[in-house]
Amino acid sequence: MGKKRIIILGAGLAGLSAAWHLQKKGIECLVLEKENEVGGLCRSKNINGFTFDYSGHLLHFRHKYTLNFVRNLLGGNLVRHKRNSWVYSHSRYIPYPFQANLHKLPSSAAKECLSGFIQASKNNHCKKNGNFLSWINQTFGEGIAKHFMVPYNTKFWTVPPQVLTCEWLDGFIPVPSPAQVIKGATRKNNQQFGYNAQFWYPKRGGINQLALVLARQLRNIHVDCRVVEIDLKNKKIKLSSGAKEKFDLLISTISLPELPFLIKDLPGTVKSSLNKLNWNSIFNLNLGVEKSGTLKKHWIYFPQKDSCFFRVGFLHQFSFNLAPRNANSLYVEVAYSKEKSIDKNKIIPQITSDLRKVGILNQGEDIIVYDINDIKYGYPIYDINYRKSRETILKFLIQNSVRPSGRYGSWRYMSMEDTILDGMRVADIF
């Protein structure tokens, strides 16, 4: 197997992880990246003393292997943080998760959420084989659904929860026990919930430090190599430079909806399946702001319609090295899709206006730096077509010596840890 020519398309975390695990086994591979640097969305940029990531990227670990893997790569340049995240609702800040801190709500809303949860907990049959809205109501009740779960997830996914299946859940949403919810309805709940109760981030530099260190341990990485054609029959790829490369096995982290533009003569069933894929996009605005005050928070969720963004994070709270001494830095995320469009000519003034409205930006506070990242492929949407379409596409690719990997290559909702593990998984096939 080691004598076969393996090409990896994409030097994001999945591609770099696949290459690292292959080379550890003594298997050579060639990594081709279309951008002029490695990292994919796990990149950072330096602008006027600010370090910005391509939207919010944090490391969470459920597996000892990945924690040790990243620790060995970054050494002392890795700091653990206890999550300090919030939900902005009813014109106030509520500790995350919303469902475990109902005491912060207005009394009428808190009673509605608690009574709905108690009623739902009596059902004791939360099914994950139905639609997401049904799961929300069965798990949390109609009050929590109304005041947080439905509006937030509609804003984030850009489609109603009843359109979504539950295939993506996998512990991403904390489900406190009835006793924990009841406690949180009367007083502060100090218990931490969810997979992201703590997170890790580089002490120096942005999140790109992980990709950069990983890449330095690898051979045969080439940037500025954009693939323009994949010939599955003859096992060749063509680059924008005109160069052609032969392969025996291809590991692809390219977003699945891009494949019809690259692969000729796709079977009709595969084309149809690719056309049925759906996703949201993320408009990420990074801001460097003069320091007149700061919210001691890592990030905040915004479920209500009166703000255009679904999440705002504070980079200077991850590391003081990410902003100049007399400044703060933050990232703002707005989701959009073909179901929910945004006016990109007006979205930045709308974002800054809404930030002032919720008190994140003070009146008269100067914005020093604007940095825009318009991310076409944000999150795959798990609708009724998702499972069958994905299975059809992946089966075809595997039959043609292509191994999809990563969030976009394998088309799944994945954390950074999941992406690293998926690179390892695909390397283990060879």
Protein backbone atom coordinates (compact mmCIF):
# COMPACT_ATOMS: atom_id res chain seq x y z
CA MET A 1 0.00 0.00 0.00
CA GLY A 2 2.88 2.36 0.78
CA LYS A 3 4.01 2.22 -2.82
CA LYS A 4 0.73 3.59 -4.11
CA ARG A 5 0.55 7.31 -4.87
CA ILE A 6 -1.68 9.07 -2.37
CA ILE A 7 -2.70 12.69 -2.92
CA ILE A 8 -4.49 14.75 -0.28
CA LEU A 9 -6.61 17.64 -1.51
CA GLY A 10 -6.68 20.39 1.11
CA ALA A 11 -4.30 21.30 3.94
CA GLY A 12 -6.91 22.11 6.54
CA LEU A 13 -6.98 20.16 9.81
CA ALA A 14 -8.41 17.01 8.21
CA GLY A 15 -5.87 16.94 5.39
CA LEU A 16 -2.94 17.71 7.69
CA SER A 17 -4.08 15.09 10.20
CA ALA A 18 -4.43 12.48 7.44
CA ALA A 19 -0.93 13.31 6.15
CA TRP A 20 0.58 13.19 9.66
CA HIS A 21 -0.95 9.80 10.45
CA LEU A 22 0.03 8.39 7.07
CA GLN A 23 3.63 9.55 7.39
CA LYS A 24 3.79 8.19 10.93
CA LYS A 25 3.05 4.78 9.37
CA GLY A 26 5.76 5.31 6.80
CA ILE A 27 3.33 5.99 3.95
CA GLU A 28 4.26 8.92 1.73
CA CYS A 29 1.64 11.32 0.38
CA LEU A 30 1.40 14.60 -1.50
CA VAL A 31 -0.69 17.44 0.01
CA LEU A 32 -2.10 20.11 -2.31
CA GLU A 33 -3.65 23.31 -0.92
CA LYS A 34 -5.39 25.91 -3.07
CA GLU A 35 -4.64 28.84 -0.70
CA ASN A 36 -1.20 30.35 -0.17
CA GLU A 37 -0.99 28.95 3.36
CA VAL A 38 -2.08 25.85 5.26
CA GLY A 39 -4.93 25.63 7.77
CA GLY A 40 -8.15 25.96 5.78
CA LEU A 41 -10.63 27.68 8.10
CA CYS A 42 -8.20 27.01 10.95
CA ARG A 43 -6.17 30.06 9.92
CA SER A 44 -5.43 33.40 11.55
CA LYS A 45 -4.38 36.80 10.27
CA ASN A 46 -2.51 39.72 11.80
CA ILE A 47 -3.90 43.21 11.15
CA ASN A 48 -2.56 46.34 12.86
CA GLY A 49 -1.58 44.49 16.01
CA PHE A 50 -4.72 42.33 16.15
CA THR A 51 -4.76 38.57 15.56
CA PHE A 52 -8.06 37.36 14.12
CA ASP A 53 -9.21 33.84 13.34
CA TYR A 54 -11.49 32.90 10.49
CA SER A 55 -14.54 33.11 12.76
CA GLY A 56 -14.63 31.40 16.17
CA HIS A 57 -12.39 28.34 16.53
CA LEU A 58 -11.78 26.69 19.90
CA LEU A 59 -10.41 23.31 20.89
CA HIS A 60 -12.65 20.99 22.89
CA PHE A 61 -11.59 17.46 23.77
CA ARG A 62 -13.71 14.40 24.47
CA HIS A 63 -10.90 11.96 23.69
CA LYS A 64 -7.59 11.59 25.51
CA TYR A 65 -5.82 10.79 22.25
CA THR A 66 -6.56 14.14 20.62
CA LEU A 67 -5.78 16.09 23.79
CA ASN A 68 -2.35 14.44 23.99
CA PHE A 69 -1.86 14.82 20.24
CA VAL A 70 -2.44 18.59 20.37
CA ARG A 71 -0.49 19.01 23.60
CA ASN A 72 2.51 17.28 22.05
CA LEU A 73 2.29 19.59 19.04
CA LEU A 74 1.82 22.90 20.86
CA GLY A 75 3.72 22.14 24.06
CA GLY A 76 3.55 25.11 26.41
CA ASN A 77 1.65 27.19 23.87
CA LEU A 78 -1.71 25.73 24.91
CA VAL A 79 -3.91 27.12 27.70
CA ARG A 80 -7.04 25.60 29.18
CA HIS A 81 -10.00 27.89 29.91
CA LYS A 82 -13.14 27.33 31.92
CA ARG A 83 -16.02 28.35 29.68
CA ASN A 84 -17.71 31.65 30.47
CA SER A 85 -20.51 31.82 27.93
CA TRP A 86 -23.93 33.46 28.01
CA VAL A 87 -27.25 33.85 26.26
CA TYR A 88 -28.63 37.34 25.63
CA SER A 89 -32.41 37.11 25.92
CA HIS A 90 -35.18 39.31 27.25
CA SER A 91 -32.67 42.21 27.36
CA ARG A 92 -30.46 40.46 29.90
CA TYR A 93 -27.54 38.03 30.10
CA ILE A 94 -28.36 34.46 31.12
CA PRO A 95 -25.56 31.96 31.88
CA TYR A 96 -25.22 29.19 29.30
CA PRO A 97 -26.85 26.73 29.01
CA PHE A 98 -30.14 28.58 29.01
CA GLN A 99 -32.10 25.50 30.13
CA ALA A 100 -30.07 25.18 33.34
CA ASN A 101 -30.31 28.85 34.40
CA LEU A 102 -33.95 29.81 34.11
CA HIS A 103 -33.81 31.93 37.29
CA LYS A 104 -32.29 34.76 35.25
CA LEU A 105 -35.41 35.08 33.10
CA PRO A 106 -38.38 37.31 33.87
CA SER A 107 -40.57 35.39 36.32
CA SER A 108 -43.39 34.71 33.83
CA ALA A 109 -40.97 33.30 31.23
CA ALA A 110 -39.14 31.26 33.87
CA LYS A 111 -42.40 29.70 35.06
CA GLU A 112 -43.42 28.92 31.51
CA CYS A 113 -40.07 27.25 30.79
CA LEU A 114 -39.99 25.29 34.03
CA SER A 115 -43.57 24.00 33.84
CA GLY A 116 -43.03 22.98 30.22
CA PHE A 117 -39.83 21.15 31.11
CA ILE A 118 -41.46 19.30 34.01
CA GLN A 119 -44.30 18.21 31.75
CA ALA A 120 -41.88 17.09 29.05
CA SER A 121 -39.75 15.15 31.56
CA LYS A 122 -42.79 13.01 32.41
CA ASN A 123 -42.87 11.73 28.84
CA ASN A 124 -39.44 10.11 29.20
CA HIS A 125 -39.33 9.08 25.52
CA CYS A 126 -37.21 11.59 23.67
CA LYS A 127 -36.80 10.13 20.20
CA LYS A 128 -33.93 11.07 17.93
CA ASN A 129 -35.49 9.44 14.89
CA GLY A 130 -37.96 12.25 14.32
CA ASN A 131 -37.45 15.90 13.42
CA PHE A 132 -35.43 18.30 15.55
CA LEU A 133 -38.45 20.35 16.66
CA SER A 134 -40.13 17.22 18.01
CA TRP A 135 -36.96 16.35 19.93
CA ILE A 136 -36.75 19.87 21.39
CA ASN A 137 -40.35 19.77 22.61
CA GLN A 138 -40.05 16.24 24.00
CA THR A 139 -36.75 17.00 25.72
CA PHE A 140 -37.23 20.54 27.02
CA GLY A 141 -40.91 21.37 26.72
CA GLU A 142 -42.67 24.16 24.88
CA GLY A 143 -41.47 27.02 27.12
CA ILE A 144 -37.73 26.48 26.59
CA ALA A 145 -38.50 25.73 22.94
CA LYS A 146 -40.30 29.07 22.58
CA HIS A 147 -37.85 31.25 24.50
CA PHE A 148 -34.56 29.81 23.28
CA MET A 149 -34.28 26.54 21.38
CA VAL A 150 -36.51 27.34 18.42
CA PRO A 151 -35.48 30.98 17.79
CA TYR A 152 -31.77 30.31 18.27
CA ASN A 153 -31.63 27.22 16.08
CA THR A 154 -33.77 28.85 13.41
CA LYS A 155 -31.35 31.78 13.34
CA PHE A 156 -28.30 29.52 13.29
CA TRP A 157 -29.42 26.86 10.81
CA THR A 158 -31.51 29.36 8.77
CA VAL A 159 -34.29 26.77 8.43
CA PRO A 160 -37.10 25.85 10.86
CA PRO A 161 -36.18 23.06 13.34
CA GLN A 162 -38.90 20.80 11.93
CA VAL A 163 -36.91 20.69 8.67
CA LEU A 164 -33.90 19.19 10.48
CA THR A 165 -33.31 15.61 11.52
CA CYS A 166 -31.50 14.76 14.77
CA GLU A 167 -28.51 13.04 13.13
CA TRP A 168 -26.14 15.86 14.05
CA LEU A 169 -26.89 16.10 17.79
CA ASP A 170 -24.21 13.79 19.24
CA GLY A 171 -24.01 15.65 22.55
CA PHE A 172 -23.76 19.14 21.04
CA ILE A 173 -26.78 20.31 23.09
CA PRO A 174 -26.56 19.90 26.89
CA VAL A 175 -29.52 18.08 28.47
CA PRO A 176 -29.55 18.73 32.23
CA SER A 177 -31.46 16.42 34.56
CA PRO A 178 -34.85 17.51 35.98
CA ALA A 179 -33.17 18.19 39.34
CA GLN A 180 -30.56 20.41 37.67
CA VAL A 181 -33.18 22.38 35.73
CA ILE A 182 -35.32 22.86 38.84
CA LYS A 183 -32.27 24.04 40.81
CA GLY A 184 -31.33 26.46 38.03
CA ALA A 185 -34.85 27.88 38.05
CA THR A 186 -34.42 29.15 41.62
CA ARG A 187 -30.73 30.06 42.00
CA LYS A 188 -27.35 30.15 40.32
CA ASN A 189 -26.33 26.81 38.87
CA ASN A 190 -22.55 26.46 39.25
CA GLN A 191 -22.36 23.10 37.54
CA GLN A 192 -20.79 23.06 34.09
CA PHE A 193 -22.69 21.37 31.27
CA GLY A 194 -21.86 20.20 27.78
CA TYR A 195 -18.85 19.10 25.77
CA ASN A 196 -17.46 22.66 25.70
CA ALA A 197 -17.50 23.32 29.46
CA GLN A 198 -13.79 23.91 29.06
CA PHE A 199 -11.75 24.73 26.01
CA TRP A 200 -8.14 25.13 24.94
CA TYR A 201 -6.54 27.91 22.92
CA PRO A 202 -2.95 28.91 22.06
CA LYS A 203 -1.33 31.32 24.50
CA ARG A 204 0.59 33.03 21.69
CA GLY A 205 -0.74 33.47 18.19
CA GLY A 206 -4.17 32.52 16.91
CA ILE A 207 -5.75 29.15 16.26
CA ASN A 208 -3.54 28.82 13.18
CA GLN A 209 -0.67 27.79 15.46
CA LEU A 210 -2.03 24.24 15.49
CA ALA A 211 -2.03 23.93 11.69
CA LEU A 212 1.36 25.62 11.34
CA VAL A 213 3.07 23.36 13.85
CA LEU A 214 1.43 20.29 12.35
CA ALA A 215 2.49 21.27 8.84
CA ARG A 216 6.12 21.77 9.91
CA GLN A 217 6.29 18.07 10.77
CA LEU A 218 5.14 17.00 7.29
CA ARG A 219 6.77 16.51 3.93
CA ASN A 220 5.45 17.30 0.46
CA ILE A 221 2.95 20.09 1.20
CA HIS A 222 2.40 22.45 -1.71
CA VAL A 223 0.33 25.65 -1.46
CA ASP A 224 -1.14 27.71 -4.31
CA CYS A 225 -2.19 24.46 -5.96
CA ARG A 226 -5.85 24.73 -6.91
CA VAL A 227 -7.46 21.66 -8.42
CA VAL A 228 -9.60 22.44 -11.46
CA GLU A 229 -10.38 18.93 -12.65
CA ILE A 230 -10.55 15.42 -11.21
CA ASP A 231 -10.45 12.60 -13.78
CA LEU A 232 -11.62 9.52 -11.92
CA LYS A 233 -11.40 7.20 -14.91
CA ASN A 234 -7.73 7.90 -15.58
CA LYS A 235 -6.92 8.79 -11.96
CA LYS A 236 -5.51 12.22 -12.73
CA ILE A 237 -6.02 15.67 -11.30
CA LYS A 238 -5.38 18.90 -13.14
CA LEU A 239 -4.20 22.06 -11.39
CA SER A 240 -4.88 25.68 -12.29
CA SER A 241 -1.24 25.95 -13.38
CA GLY A 242 -1.94 23.34 -16.06
CA ALA A 243 0.11 20.67 -14.30
CA LYS A 244 -1.34 17.19 -13.97
CA GLU A 245 -0.79 14.67 -11.20
CA LYS A 246 -1.59 10.95 -11.24
CA PHE A 247 -2.94 9.22 -8.15
CA ASP A 248 -3.77 5.75 -6.98
CA LEU A 249 -5.74 6.97 -3.97
CA LEU A 250 -7.20 10.40 -3.31
CA ILE A 251 -8.10 11.87 0.08
CA SER A 252 -10.44 14.79 -0.54
CA THR A 253 -11.38 17.48 1.97
CA ILE A 254 -13.05 19.54 -0.78
CA SER A 255 -16.65 20.54 -0.01
CA LEU A 256 -19.00 18.04 -1.63
CA PRO A 257 -21.08 20.70 -3.48
CA GLU A 258 -17.91 21.70 -5.36
CA LEU A 259 -17.47 18.26 -6.93
CA PRO A 260 -19.80 18.77 -9.95
CA PHE A 261 -17.45 21.58 -11.06
CA LEU A 262 -14.42 19.29 -10.82
CA ILE A 263 -15.51 15.78 -11.79
CA LYS A 264 -16.72 15.18 -15.33
CA ASP A 265 -19.31 12.59 -16.36
CA LEU A 266 -20.84 12.10 -12.93
CA PRO A 267 -23.65 9.50 -12.90
CA GLY A 268 -27.14 11.00 -12.82
CA THR A 269 -27.91 9.63 -9.35
CA VAL A 270 -24.75 11.22 -7.94
CA LYS A 271 -25.46 14.56 -9.63
CA SER A 272 -28.99 14.51 -8.27
CA SER A 273 -27.71 13.73 -4.77
CA LEU A 274 -25.16 16.53 -4.94
CA ASN A 275 -27.88 18.97 -5.99
CA LYS A 276 -29.93 18.01 -2.94
CA LEU A 277 -27.23 18.96 -0.43
CA ASN A 278 -28.03 22.02 1.64
CA TRP A 279 -25.91 24.20 3.92
CA ASN A 280 -25.73 27.53 5.67
CA SER A 281 -23.04 30.14 5.17
CA ILE A 282 -21.38 32.31 7.80
CA PHE A 283 -20.66 36.01 7.44
CA ASN A 284 -17.91 36.60 9.97
CA LEU A 285 -16.98 40.14 10.97
CA ASN A 286 -13.91 40.55 13.17
CA LEU A 287 -13.55 43.88 14.94
CA GLY A 288 -10.68 45.60 16.71
CA VAL A 289 -12.10 48.17 19.13
CA GLU A 290 -10.59 50.86 21.32
CA LYS A 291 -10.83 49.78 24.93
CA SER A 292 -13.31 51.69 27.04
CA GLY A 293 -14.76 48.68 28.83
CA THR A 294 -15.02 44.95 28.42
CA LEU A 295 -17.49 42.15 29.01
CA LYS A 296 -15.78 39.37 30.98
CA LYS A 297 -17.25 36.72 28.74
CA HIS A 298 -15.88 34.29 26.18
CA TRP A 299 -18.89 34.27 23.87
CA ILE A 300 -22.61 35.07 23.83
CA TYR A 301 -25.53 33.45 21.98
CA PHE A 302 -28.29 35.67 20.58
CA PRO A 303 -31.60 33.85 19.93
CA GLN A 304 -33.90 36.83 19.43
CA LYS A 305 -34.77 38.44 16.11
CA ASP A 306 -33.80 41.96 17.18
CA SER A 307 -30.11 41.19 16.57
CA CYS A 308 -28.84 39.93 13.23
CA PHE A 309 -26.02 37.76 14.63
CA PHE A 310 -26.38 34.42 16.38
CA ARG A 311 -23.08 34.57 18.26
CA VAL A 312 -20.45 37.07 19.36
CA GLY A 313 -17.10 36.01 20.82
CA PHE A 314 -14.31 37.96 22.50
CA LEU A 315 -10.87 37.00 21.22
CA HIS A 316 -9.00 39.09 23.79
CA GLN A 317 -10.55 36.87 26.48
CA PHE A 318 -8.93 33.78 24.90
CA SER A 319 -5.48 35.36 25.02
CA PHE A 320 -4.32 38.90 25.84
CA ASN A 321 -1.81 38.52 22.99
CA LEU A 322 -4.57 38.73 20.37
CA ALA A 323 -5.14 42.48 20.75
CA PRO A 324 -3.00 45.55 21.54
CA ARG A 325 -2.88 46.58 25.19
CA ASN A 326 -5.48 49.35 24.88
CA ALA A 327 -7.93 47.49 22.66
CA ASN A 328 -10.46 44.67 22.57
CA SER A 329 -11.17 42.25 19.75
CA LEU A 330 -14.30 40.34 18.92
CA TYR A 331 -15.80 38.14 16.25
CA VAL A 332 -19.41 38.29 15.10
CA GLU A 333 -21.22 35.53 13.22
CA VAL A 334 -24.30 35.92 11.01
CA ALA A 335 -25.78 32.87 9.31
CA TYR A 336 -27.39 33.02 5.90
CA SER A 337 -28.44 30.64 3.12
CA LYS A 338 -30.66 30.39 0.08
CA GLU A 339 -33.58 30.11 2.52
CA LYS A 340 -32.50 33.21 4.48
CA SER A 341 -30.50 35.80 2.58
CA ILE A 342 -28.66 38.86 3.87
CA ASP A 343 -27.84 42.14 2.17
CA LYS A 344 -24.06 42.18 2.25
CA ASN A 345 -24.03 45.88 1.41
CA LYS A 346 -25.92 46.65 4.62
CA ILE A 347 -24.92 43.88 7.00
CA ILE A 348 -21.87 45.61 8.55
CA PRO A 349 -23.78 48.75 9.62
CA GLN A 350 -26.54 46.46 10.89
CA ILE A 351 -24.05 44.42 12.91
CA THR A 352 -22.43 47.48 14.51
CA SER A 353 -25.84 49.01 15.26
CA ASP A 354 -27.03 45.79 16.92
CA LEU A 355 -23.78 45.51 18.91
CA ARG A 356 -24.41 48.97 20.33
CA LYS A 357 -28.05 48.13 20.99
CA VAL A 358 -27.11 45.14 23.19
CA GLY A 359 -24.31 47.07 24.91
CA ILE A 360 -21.29 45.24 23.48
CA LEU A 361 -20.13 48.42 21.76
CA ASN A 362 -20.45 51.69 23.63
CA GLN A 363 -21.65 54.85 21.92
CA GLY A 364 -18.67 56.79 20.64
CA GLU A 365 -16.36 53.78 20.94
CA ASP A 366 -14.11 53.68 17.88
CA ILE A 367 -13.72 50.58 15.74
CA ILE A 368 -10.06 50.45 14.75
CA VAL A 369 -10.08 47.41 12.44
CA TYR A 370 -12.73 45.65 10.34
CA ASP A 371 -11.95 42.19 8.99
CA ILE A 372 -14.49 40.29 6.86
CA ASN A 373 -14.57 36.56 6.23
CA ASP A 374 -17.48 35.40 4.10
CA ILE A 375 -17.52 31.62 4.58
CA LYS A 376 -19.54 29.95 1.83
CA TYR A 377 -19.78 26.53 3.46
CA GLY A 378 -20.62 26.90 7.12
CA TYR A 379 -22.55 23.87 8.35
CA PRO A 380 -24.20 21.04 6.37
CA ILE A 381 -27.96 21.16 6.89
CA TYR A 382 -29.37 17.83 8.04
CA ASP A 383 -32.67 17.88 6.18
CA ILE A 384 -34.79 15.03 4.84
CA ASN A 385 -32.47 14.59 1.85
CA TYR A 386 -29.24 14.59 3.84
CA ARG A 387 -28.68 10.94 4.73
CA LYS A 388 -29.58 9.29 1.43
CA SER A 389 -27.81 11.93 -0.68
CA ARG A 390 -24.63 11.76 1.37
CA GLU A 391 -24.58 7.96 1.32
CA THR A 392 -24.97 7.90 -2.46
CA ILE A 393 -22.16 10.43 -2.98
CA LEU A 394 -19.70 8.81 -0.57
CA LYS A 395 -20.35 5.32 -1.94
CA PHE A 396 -19.57 6.55 -5.46
CA LEU A 397 -16.39 8.33 -4.35
CA ILE A 398 -15.07 5.37 -2.38
CA GLN A 399 -15.73 3.07 -5.34
CA ASN A 400 -13.57 5.41 -7.41
CA SER A 401 -10.57 5.46 -5.06
CA VAL A 402 -11.54 8.72 -3.33
CA ARG A 403 -11.72 8.89 0.47
CA PRO A 404 -13.66 11.96 1.69
CA SER A 405 -12.50 13.49 4.98
CA GLY A 406 -13.25 16.42 7.27
CA ARG A 407 -16.34 18.51 7.86
CA TYR A 408 -16.79 19.44 4.23
CA GLY A 409 -15.24 16.43 2.51
CA SER A 410 -17.38 13.98 4.47
CA TRP A 411 -20.17 16.57 4.92
CA ARG A 412 -20.80 16.38 8.66
CA TYR A 413 -21.16 18.72 11.63
CA MET A 414 -17.75 18.35 13.25
CA SER A 415 -15.68 20.01 15.95
CA MET A 416 -11.95 20.63 15.47
CA GLU A 417 -11.27 17.47 17.46
CA ASP A 418 -13.66 15.49 15.23
CA THR A 419 -11.80 16.79 12.19
CA ILE A 420 -8.43 15.67 13.53
CA LEU A 421 -9.85 12.24 14.32
CA ASP A 422 -11.43 12.00 10.88
CA GLY A 423 -8.04 12.60 9.29
CA MET A 424 -6.67 9.78 11.43
CA ARG A 425 -9.61 7.54 10.47
CA VAL A 426 -9.07 7.95 6.74
CA ALA A 427 -5.31 7.37 7.15
CA ASP A 428 -6.05 4.10 8.96
CA ILE A 429 -7.81 2.78 5.84
CA PHE A 430 -4.51 2.58 3.98
